C-alpha cells in the first residue's frame, strides 16, 4: 500500500495547505503547500508519496536482509491508516 493522504488542513493565515501523508508503518510527513503552488499541488503530493514509498521499500529490504519481521507492525499501522482515511479530513 502506498503512502496516502490522511488529513488536509487549510491554513488561511499562512496561505498554505497542510497535507499529512502516512505510510504503512505509521510514519507521517506534513507537507506544506503554498496557495500560489495550486497548479502544482498534485505533482508536489505525488513526488512526496513516491519518496515515502521508496523509503518504505528500503526499510522492508533492510528488515528482510537482517532478519527483522515487520509484518505485525505493518498490519497494525495499515489498519490505523485505513481508519484515518475513513474519518474526517
Protein backbone atom coordinates (compact mmCIF):
# COMPACT_ATOMS: atom_id res chain seq x y z
CA UNK A 1 0.00 0.00 0.00
CA UNK A 2 1.40 3.41 -0.84
CA UNK A 3 1.77 6.49 1.29
CA UNK A 4 -1.64 8.12 1.39
CA UNK A 5 -3.20 11.40 2.41
CA UNK A 6 -4.77 11.01 5.84
CA UNK A 7 -5.54 14.66 6.56
CA UNK A 8 -5.64 18.04 4.88
CA UNK A 9 -5.99 21.38 6.61
CA UNK A 10 -6.19 24.82 5.06
CA UNK A 11 -4.14 27.41 6.95
CA UNK A 12 -5.57 30.75 5.78
CA UNK A 13 -3.32 32.92 7.95
CA UNK A 14 -0.25 31.26 6.42
CA UNK A 15 -1.74 30.99 2.91
CA UNK A 16 -0.92 27.28 2.95
CA UNK A 17 -2.48 23.84 2.98
CA UNK A 18 -1.04 21.20 5.29
CA UNK A 19 -1.28 17.73 3.74
CA UNK A 20 -0.48 14.84 6.08
CA UNK A 21 0.74 11.65 4.39
CA UNK A 22 1.14 8.30 6.17
CA UNK A 23 2.97 5.17 5.08
CA UNK A 24 2.19 1.56 6.01
CA UNK A 25 4.30 1.75 9.17
CA UNK A 26 2.61 4.81 10.62
CA UNK A 27 5.33 7.27 9.60
CA UNK A 28 3.79 10.61 8.77
CA UNK A 29 5.02 13.60 6.85
CA UNK A 30 3.46 17.04 6.86
CA UNK A 31 3.70 18.71 3.51
CA UNK A 32 3.03 22.46 3.41
CA UNK A 33 1.86 23.73 0.05
CA UNK A 34 1.60 27.46 -0.57
CA UNK A 35 -1.65 28.53 -2.20
CA UNK A 36 0.42 30.04 -5.02
CA UNK A 37 1.56 26.46 -5.79
CA UNK A 38 -2.02 25.35 -6.51
CA UNK A 39 -1.30 24.42 -10.14
CA UNK A 40 1.49 22.08 -8.93
CA UNK A 41 -0.36 20.64 -5.92
CA UNK A 42 -0.91 17.17 -7.38
CA UNK A 43 2.68 16.80 -8.59
CA UNK A 44 4.06 18.04 -5.23
CA UNK A 45 2.00 15.44 -3.39
CA UNK A 46 2.87 12.69 -5.88
CA UNK A 47 6.60 13.42 -5.51
CA UNK A 48 6.41 13.14 -1.72
CA UNK A 49 4.35 9.96 -1.96
CA UNK A 50 6.98 8.46 -4.28
CA UNK A 51 9.76 9.42 -1.87
CA UNK A 52 7.89 7.91 1.09
CA UNK A 53 7.18 4.72 -0.89
CA UNK A 54 10.89 4.47 -1.75
CA UNK A 55 11.87 4.80 1.90
CA UNK A 56 9.31 2.15 2.87
CA UNK A 57 10.74 -0.23 0.26
CA UNK A 58 14.26 0.40 1.61
CA UNK A 59 13.07 -0.30 5.16
CA UNK A 60 11.43 -3.56 4.12
CA UNK A 61 14.53 -4.68 2.18
CA UNK A 62 16.75 -3.87 5.15
CA UNK A 63 14.44 -5.71 7.55
CA UNK A 64 14.34 -8.79 5.32
CA UNK A 65 18.10 -8.82 4.82
CA UNK A 66 18.72 -8.58 8.56
CA UNK A 67 16.08 -10.98 9.88
CA UNK A 68 13.54 -8.48 11.18
CA UNK A 69 9.84 -9.25 10.94
CA UNK A 70 7.77 -6.14 10.28
CA UNK A 71 4.52 -7.96 9.47
CA UNK A 72 2.81 -7.28 12.82
CA UNK A 73 3.79 -3.63 12.78
CA UNK A 74 2.66 -3.25 9.18
CA UNK A 75 -0.73 -4.90 9.81
CA UNK A 76 -1.44 -2.69 12.82
CA UNK A 77 -0.43 0.51 11.08
CA UNK A 78 -2.22 -0.26 7.82
CA UNK A 79 -5.39 -0.71 9.90
CA UNK A 80 -4.73 2.59 11.69
CA UNK A 81 -4.13 4.33 8.38
CA UNK A 82 -7.34 2.92 6.92
CA UNK A 83 -9.28 4.21 9.95
CA UNK A 84 -7.87 7.70 9.35
CA UNK A 85 -8.78 7.52 5.67
CA UNK A 86 -12.39 6.83 6.59
CA UNK A 87 -12.57 9.58 9.20
CA UNK A 88 -12.99 13.33 8.75
CA UNK A 89 -10.29 15.15 6.81
